[in-house]
Amino acid sequence: MTDSESMPAKTANPAPLGLLGFGMTTILLSLHNAGITELDDVTLAMGVFCGGLAQLLAGIMEYRNGNTFGTVAFTMYGMFWLAFVAIKLDVFGMGHNLTNMGSFCLIWGLMTLVLFIGTLKGRVTLRIVFATLTITFLLLSIADFMGNGTITNIAGFVGILCGAAAFYTASAEILLEQHGREILPF
């Protein structure tokens, strides 16, 4: 038996990749929802490549690492971003209405609530990410059902906090691995 056969290969932690893809894209979309920026090709491109593909890759890598939570979270949110961009670009040529978007956000909010419950034994910053994301989705759902732009703006500010918490968590994990000790508490 060679050394490479007797020792398992070290695998990278894909969570920072997924968290950065999620966090950066969520901040950009939330800036739009808060009424600070326009929704344009910058946000939609981030949605496809960082929100969608980077998270999908992280989810596949989490599967390889045997992490069911990471697999489900990153893969599903990667698909969320791809679906969201497809809706916004009307790739199917059917348009959409606020009631359907309200239902879309509601079902994502419910899934996120389940994942939030899964974080209760984990790091505080990850709980913050999933709690604020649950609130963001539920507020967006209410805003769409009611056609209320003020609630959308409030959801945008909660979403900015969510994205920032994801970015911070990813940064803390990267620095922990690089330095071998906790640099940013999380």
C-alpha atoms as a PDB file:
ATOM      1  CA  MET A   1       0.000   0.000   0.000  1.00  0.00           C
ATOM      2  CA  THR A   2       1.404   3.394  -0.963  1.00  0.00           C
ATOM      3  CA  ASP A   3       1.209   6.479   1.248  1.00  0.00           C
ATOM      4  CA  SER A   4      -1.475   7.986  -0.983  1.00  0.00           C
ATOM      5  CA  GLU A   5      -3.624   4.862  -0.563  1.00  0.00           C
ATOM      6  CA  SER A   6      -3.298   4.682   3.211  1.00  0.00           C
ATOM      7  CA  MET A   7      -4.074   8.325   3.954  1.00  0.00           C
ATOM      8  CA  PRO A   8      -7.341   9.889   2.898  1.00  0.00           C
ATOM      9  CA  ALA A   9      -6.950  12.960   0.705  1.00  0.00           C
ATOM     10  CA  LYS A  10      -7.712  16.238   2.438  1.00  0.00           C
ATOM     11  CA  THR A  11     -10.694  17.944   0.912  1.00  0.00           C
ATOM     12  CA  ALA A  12     -11.300  21.672   0.890  1.00  0.00           C
ATOM     13  CA  ASN A  13     -14.161  23.241   2.801  1.00  0.00           C
ATOM     14  CA  PRO A  14     -16.611  24.405   0.105  1.00  0.00           C
ATOM     15  CA  ALA A  15     -18.769  26.403   2.534  1.00  0.00           C
ATOM     16  CA  PRO A  16     -16.889  29.712   2.098  1.00  0.00           C
ATOM     17  CA  LEU A  17     -17.356  29.488  -1.678  1.00  0.00           C
ATOM     18  CA  GLY A  18     -21.084  28.957  -1.294  1.00  0.00           C
ATOM     19  CA  LEU A  19     -21.441  31.574   1.432  1.00  0.00           C
ATOM     20  CA  LEU A  20     -19.556  34.196  -0.595  1.00  0.00           C
ATOM     21  CA  GLY A  21     -21.592  33.444  -3.719  1.00  0.00           C
ATOM     22  CA  PHE A  22     -24.766  33.708  -1.687  1.00  0.00           C
ATOM     23  CA  GLY A  23     -23.737  36.703   0.419  1.00  0.00           C
ATOM     24  CA  MET A  24     -22.407  38.905  -2.366  1.00  0.00           C
ATOM     25  CA  THR A  25     -25.389  38.227  -4.626  1.00  0.00           C
ATOM     26  CA  THR A  26     -27.873  38.705  -1.788  1.00  0.00           C
ATOM     27  CA  ILE A  27     -26.347  42.083  -0.941  1.00  0.00           C
ATOM     28  CA  LEU A  28     -26.668  43.238  -4.562  1.00  0.00           C
ATOM     29  CA  LEU A  29     -30.301  42.129  -4.905  1.00  0.00           C
ATOM     30  CA  SER A  30     -31.152  43.507  -1.475  1.00  0.00           C
ATOM     31  CA  LEU A  31     -29.724  46.911  -2.403  1.00  0.00           C
ATOM     32  CA  HIS A  32     -32.291  46.905  -5.212  1.00  0.00           C
ATOM     33  CA  ASN A  33     -35.102  45.721  -2.904  1.00  0.00           C
ATOM     34  CA  ALA A  34     -34.186  48.459  -0.416  1.00  0.00           C
ATOM     35  CA  GLY A  35     -34.617  51.014  -3.213  1.00  0.00           C
ATOM     36  CA  ILE A  36     -30.938  51.985  -3.300  1.00  0.00           C
ATOM     37  CA  THR A  37     -29.994  50.598  -6.741  1.00  0.00           C
ATOM     38  CA  GLU A  38     -31.701  49.464  -9.923  1.00  0.00           C
ATOM     39  CA  LEU A  39     -32.037  45.812 -10.880  1.00  0.00           C
ATOM     40  CA  ASP A  40     -29.706  45.467 -13.850  1.00  0.00           C
ATOM     41  CA  ASP A  41     -27.367  43.085 -15.628  1.00  0.00           C
ATOM     42  CA  VAL A  42     -24.759  43.397 -12.844  1.00  0.00           C
ATOM     43  CA  THR A  43     -27.085  41.844 -10.260  1.00  0.00           C
ATOM     44  CA  LEU A  44     -28.497  39.296 -12.694  1.00  0.00           C
ATOM     45  CA  ALA A  45     -25.015  38.209 -13.818  1.00  0.00           C
ATOM     46  CA  MET A  46     -24.006  37.792 -10.171  1.00  0.00           C
ATOM     47  CA  GLY A  47     -27.213  35.815  -9.703  1.00  0.00           C
ATOM     48  CA  VAL A  48     -26.259  33.345 -12.429  1.00  0.00           C
ATOM     49  CA  PHE A  49     -22.552  32.952 -11.768  1.00  0.00           C
ATOM     50  CA  CYS A  50     -21.985  33.595  -8.052  1.00  0.00           C
ATOM     51  CA  GLY A  51     -25.448  33.009  -6.642  1.00  0.00           C
ATOM     52  CA  GLY A  52     -26.257  30.144  -8.974  1.00  0.00           C
ATOM     53  CA  LEU A  53     -23.198  28.334 -10.250  1.00  0.00           C
ATOM     54  CA  ALA A  54     -20.820  28.937  -7.325  1.00  0.00           C
ATOM     55  CA  GLN A  55     -23.421  27.689  -4.857  1.00  0.00           C
ATOM     56  CA  LEU A  56     -24.292  24.729  -7.035  1.00  0.00           C
ATOM     57  CA  LEU A  57     -20.603  23.766  -7.123  1.00  0.00           C
ATOM     58  CA  ALA A  58     -20.321  24.226  -3.357  1.00  0.00           C
ATOM     59  CA  GLY A  59     -23.377  22.001  -2.871  1.00  0.00           C
ATOM     60  CA  ILE A  60     -21.854  19.259  -5.026  1.00  0.00           C
ATOM     61  CA  MET A  61     -18.599  19.508  -3.054  1.00  0.00           C
ATOM     62  CA  GLU A  62     -20.522  19.347   0.241  1.00  0.00           C
ATOM     63  CA  TYR A  63     -22.097  16.123  -1.026  1.00  0.00           C
ATOM     64  CA  ARG A  64     -18.609  14.721  -1.568  1.00  0.00           C
ATOM     65  CA  ASN A  65     -17.778  15.714   2.016  1.00  0.00           C
ATOM     66  CA  GLY A  66     -20.886  13.935   3.342  1.00  0.00           C
ATOM     67  CA  ASN A  67     -22.555  17.150   4.533  1.00  0.00           C
ATOM     68  CA  THR A  68     -26.298  16.812   3.908  1.00  0.00           C
ATOM     69  CA  PHE A  69     -27.132  20.287   5.243  1.00  0.00           C
ATOM     70  CA  GLY A  70     -24.499  21.966   3.058  1.00  0.00           C
ATOM     71  CA  THR A  71     -25.535  19.905   0.042  1.00  0.00           C
ATOM     72  CA  VAL A  72     -29.193  20.862   0.372  1.00  0.00           C
ATOM     73  CA  ALA A  73     -28.622  24.512   1.297  1.00  0.00           C
ATOM     74  CA  PHE A  74     -26.055  25.395  -1.344  1.00  0.00           C
ATOM     75  CA  THR A  75     -27.626  23.353  -4.140  1.00  0.00           C
ATOM     76  CA  MET A  76     -31.135  24.653  -3.479  1.00  0.00           C
ATOM     77  CA  TYR A  77     -30.088  28.315  -3.161  1.00  0.00           C
ATOM     78  CA  GLY A  78     -27.963  27.939  -6.287  1.00  0.00           C
ATOM     79  CA  MET A  79     -31.107  26.785  -8.060  1.00  0.00           C
ATOM     80  CA  PHE A  80     -33.049  29.649  -6.461  1.00  0.00           C
ATOM     81  CA  TRP A  81     -30.725  32.185  -8.076  1.00  0.00           C
ATOM     82  CA  LEU A  82     -30.913  30.509 -11.469  1.00  0.00           C
ATOM     83  CA  ALA A  83     -34.727  30.411 -11.264  1.00  0.00           C
ATOM     84  CA  PHE A  84     -34.888  34.013 -10.042  1.00  0.00           C
ATOM     85  CA  VAL A  85     -32.801  35.272 -12.960  1.00  0.00           C
ATOM     86  CA  ALA A  86     -34.862  33.185 -15.408  1.00  0.00           C
ATOM     87  CA  ILE A  87     -38.030  34.798 -14.012  1.00  0.00           C
ATOM     88  CA  LYS A  88     -36.627  38.321 -14.162  1.00  0.00           C
ATOM     89  CA  LEU A  89     -35.377  37.827 -17.736  1.00  0.00           C
ATOM     90  CA  ASP A  90     -38.689  36.158 -18.666  1.00  0.00           C
ATOM     91  CA  VAL A  91     -36.778  33.370 -20.415  1.00  0.00           C
ATOM     92  CA  PHE A  92     -39.978  31.365 -20.887  1.00  0.00           C
ATOM     93  CA  GLY A  93     -41.836  34.327 -22.407  1.00  0.00           C
ATOM     94  CA  MET A  94     -44.814  33.988 -20.090  1.00  0.00           C
ATOM     95  CA  GLY A  95     -44.313  36.885 -17.681  1.00  0.00           C
ATOM     96  CA  HIS A  96     -45.166  36.666 -14.000  1.00  0.00           C
ATOM     97  CA  ASN A  97     -47.433  38.369 -11.501  1.00  0.00           C
ATOM     98  CA  LEU A  98     -47.026  39.461  -7.906  1.00  0.00           C
ATOM     99  CA  THR A  99     -49.210  36.661  -6.543  1.00  0.00           C
ATOM    100  CA  ASN A 100     -46.976  34.051  -8.155  1.00  0.00           C
ATOM    101  CA  MET A 101     -43.864  35.848  -6.874  1.00  0.00           C
ATOM    102  CA  GLY A 102     -45.466  35.974  -3.422  1.00  0.00           C
ATOM    103  CA  SER A 103     -45.980  32.210  -3.558  1.00  0.00           C
ATOM    104  CA  PHE A 104     -42.410  31.752  -4.831  1.00  0.00           C
ATOM    105  CA  CYS A 105     -40.987  33.751  -1.906  1.00  0.00           C
ATOM    106  CA  LEU A 106     -43.298  32.049   0.594  1.00  0.00           C
ATOM    107  CA  ILE A 107     -42.192  28.540  -0.347  1.00  0.00           C
ATOM    108  CA  TRP A 108     -38.535  29.612  -0.211  1.00  0.00           C
ATOM    109  CA  GLY A 109     -39.197  31.212   3.172  1.00  0.00           C
ATOM    110  CA  LEU A 110     -40.665  27.969   4.503  1.00  0.00           C
ATOM    111  CA  MET A 111     -37.717  25.931   3.226  1.00  0.00           C
ATOM    112  CA  THR A 112     -35.341  28.465   4.773  1.00  0.00           C
ATOM    113  CA  LEU A 113     -37.175  28.204   8.099  1.00  0.00           C
ATOM    114  CA  VAL A 114     -36.532  24.434   8.094  1.00  0.00           C
ATOM    115  CA  LEU A 115     -32.856  25.068   7.377  1.00  0.00           C
ATOM    116  CA  PHE A 116     -32.750  27.732  10.111  1.00  0.00           C
ATOM    117  CA  ILE A 117     -33.926  25.087  12.585  1.00  0.00           C
ATOM    118  CA  GLY A 118     -31.022  22.965  11.334  1.00  0.00           C
ATOM    119  CA  THR A 119     -28.574  25.734  12.299  1.00  0.00           C
ATOM    120  CA  LEU A 120     -29.645  25.904  15.949  1.00  0.00           C
ATOM    121  CA  LYS A 121     -26.743  23.651  16.968  1.00  0.00           C
ATOM    122  CA  GLY A 122     -24.245  25.480  14.762  1.00  0.00           C
ATOM    123  CA  ARG A 123     -22.354  28.730  14.676  1.00  0.00           C
ATOM    124  CA  VAL A 124     -24.116  31.931  15.725  1.00  0.00           C
ATOM    125  CA  THR A 125     -23.336  33.688  12.446  1.00  0.00           C
ATOM    126  CA  LEU A 126     -24.919  30.878  10.436  1.00  0.00           C
ATOM    127  CA  ARG A 127     -28.061  31.175  12.568  1.00  0.00           C
ATOM    128  CA  ILE A 128     -28.093  34.896  11.775  1.00  0.00           C
ATOM    129  CA  VAL A 129     -27.791  34.151   8.036  1.00  0.00           C
ATOM    130  CA  PHE A 130     -30.737  31.755   8.028  1.00  0.00           C
ATOM    131  CA  ALA A 131     -32.902  33.759  10.444  1.00  0.00           C
ATOM    132  CA  THR A 132     -32.529  36.951   8.427  1.00  0.00           C
ATOM    133  CA  LEU A 133     -33.037  35.059   5.159  1.00  0.00           C
ATOM    134  CA  THR A 134     -36.257  33.527   6.495  1.00  0.00           C
ATOM    135  CA  ILE A 135     -37.482  36.989   7.487  1.00  0.00           C
ATOM    136  CA  THR A 136     -36.416  38.423   4.108  1.00  0.00           C
ATOM    137  CA  PHE A 137     -38.347  35.801   2.144  1.00  0.00           C
ATOM    138  CA  LEU A 138     -41.438  36.153   4.317  1.00  0.00           C
ATOM    139  CA  LEU A 139     -41.381  39.950   4.024  1.00  0.00           C
ATOM    140  CA  LEU A 140     -40.943  39.717   0.245  1.00  0.00           C
ATOM    141  CA  SER A 141     -43.842  37.281   0.086  1.00  0.00           C
ATOM    142  CA  ILE A 142     -46.093  39.637   2.059  1.00  0.00           C
ATOM    143  CA  ALA A 143     -44.941  42.591  -0.056  1.00  0.00           C
ATOM    144  CA  ASP A 144     -45.762  40.735  -3.277  1.00  0.00           C
ATOM    145  CA  PHE A 145     -49.163  39.527  -2.056  1.00  0.00           C
ATOM    146  CA  MET A 146     -50.050  43.063  -0.924  1.00  0.00           C
ATOM    147  CA  GLY A 147     -48.251  44.961  -3.689  1.00  0.00           C
ATOM    148  CA  ASN A 148     -46.526  47.001  -0.974  1.00  0.00           C
ATOM    149  CA  GLY A 149     -43.214  48.618  -1.951  1.00  0.00           C
ATOM    150  CA  THR A 150     -42.462  49.760   1.599  1.00  0.00           C
ATOM    151  CA  ILE A 151     -42.383  46.171   2.831  1.00  0.00           C
ATOM    152  CA  THR A 152     -40.119  45.296  -0.111  1.00  0.00           C
ATOM    153  CA  ASN A 153     -37.758  48.078   1.019  1.00  0.00           C
ATOM    154  CA  ILE A 154     -37.738  46.736   4.588  1.00  0.00           C
ATOM    155  CA  ALA A 155     -37.034  43.240   3.231  1.00  0.00           C
ATOM    156  CA  GLY A 156     -34.137  44.751   1.288  1.00  0.00           C
ATOM    157  CA  PHE A 157     -32.496  46.091   4.442  1.00  0.00           C
ATOM    158  CA  VAL A 158     -32.951  42.743   6.227  1.00  0.00           C
ATOM    159  CA  GLY A 159     -31.480  41.063   3.127  1.00  0.00           C
ATOM    160  CA  ILE A 160     -28.421  43.326   3.235  1.00  0.00           C
ATOM    161  CA  LEU A 161     -27.852  42.201   6.835  1.00  0.00           C
ATOM    162  CA  CYS A 162     -28.298  38.566   5.718  1.00  0.00           C
ATOM    163  CA  GLY A 163     -25.800  38.905   2.876  1.00  0.00           C
ATOM    164  CA  ALA A 164     -23.310  40.679   5.127  1.00  0.00           C
ATOM    165  CA  ALA A 165     -23.622  37.893   7.720  1.00  0.00           C
ATOM    166  CA  ALA A 166     -22.944  35.280   5.016  1.00  0.00           C
ATOM    167  CA  PHE A 167     -19.935  37.255   3.756  1.00  0.00           C
ATOM    168  CA  TYR A 168     -18.607  37.569   7.326  1.00  0.00           C
ATOM    169  CA  THR A 169     -19.108  33.852   8.025  1.00  0.00           C
ATOM    170  CA  ALA A 170     -17.253  32.915   4.835  1.00  0.00           C
ATOM    171  CA  SER A 171     -14.427  35.298   5.728  1.00  0.00           C
ATOM    172  CA  ALA A 172     -14.180  33.831   9.237  1.00  0.00           C
ATOM    173  CA  GLU A 173     -13.983  30.286   7.844  1.00  0.00           C
ATOM    174  CA  ILE A 174     -11.314  31.211   5.277  1.00  0.00           C
ATOM    175  CA  LEU A 175      -9.175  32.976   7.877  1.00  0.00           C
ATOM    176  CA  LEU A 176      -9.597  30.144  10.394  1.00  0.00           C
ATOM    177  CA  GLU A 177      -8.293  27.621   7.890  1.00  0.00           C
ATOM    178  CA  GLN A 178      -5.452  29.832   6.655  1.00  0.00           C
ATOM    179  CA  HIS A 179      -4.212  30.827  10.124  1.00  0.00           C
ATOM    180  CA  GLY A 180      -5.113  27.680  12.037  1.00  0.00           C
ATOM    181  CA  ARG A 181      -6.938  29.711  14.657  1.00  0.00           C
ATOM    182  CA  GLU A 182     -10.036  31.848  14.913  1.00  0.00           C
ATOM    183  CA  ILE A 183      -9.325  35.366  13.638  1.00  0.00           C
ATOM    184  CA  LEU A 184     -12.951  36.522  13.311  1.00  0.00           C
ATOM    185  CA  PRO A 185     -15.283  35.127  15.970  1.00  0.00           C
ATOM    186  CA  PHE A 186     -18.241  33.302  14.536  1.00  0.00           C
END
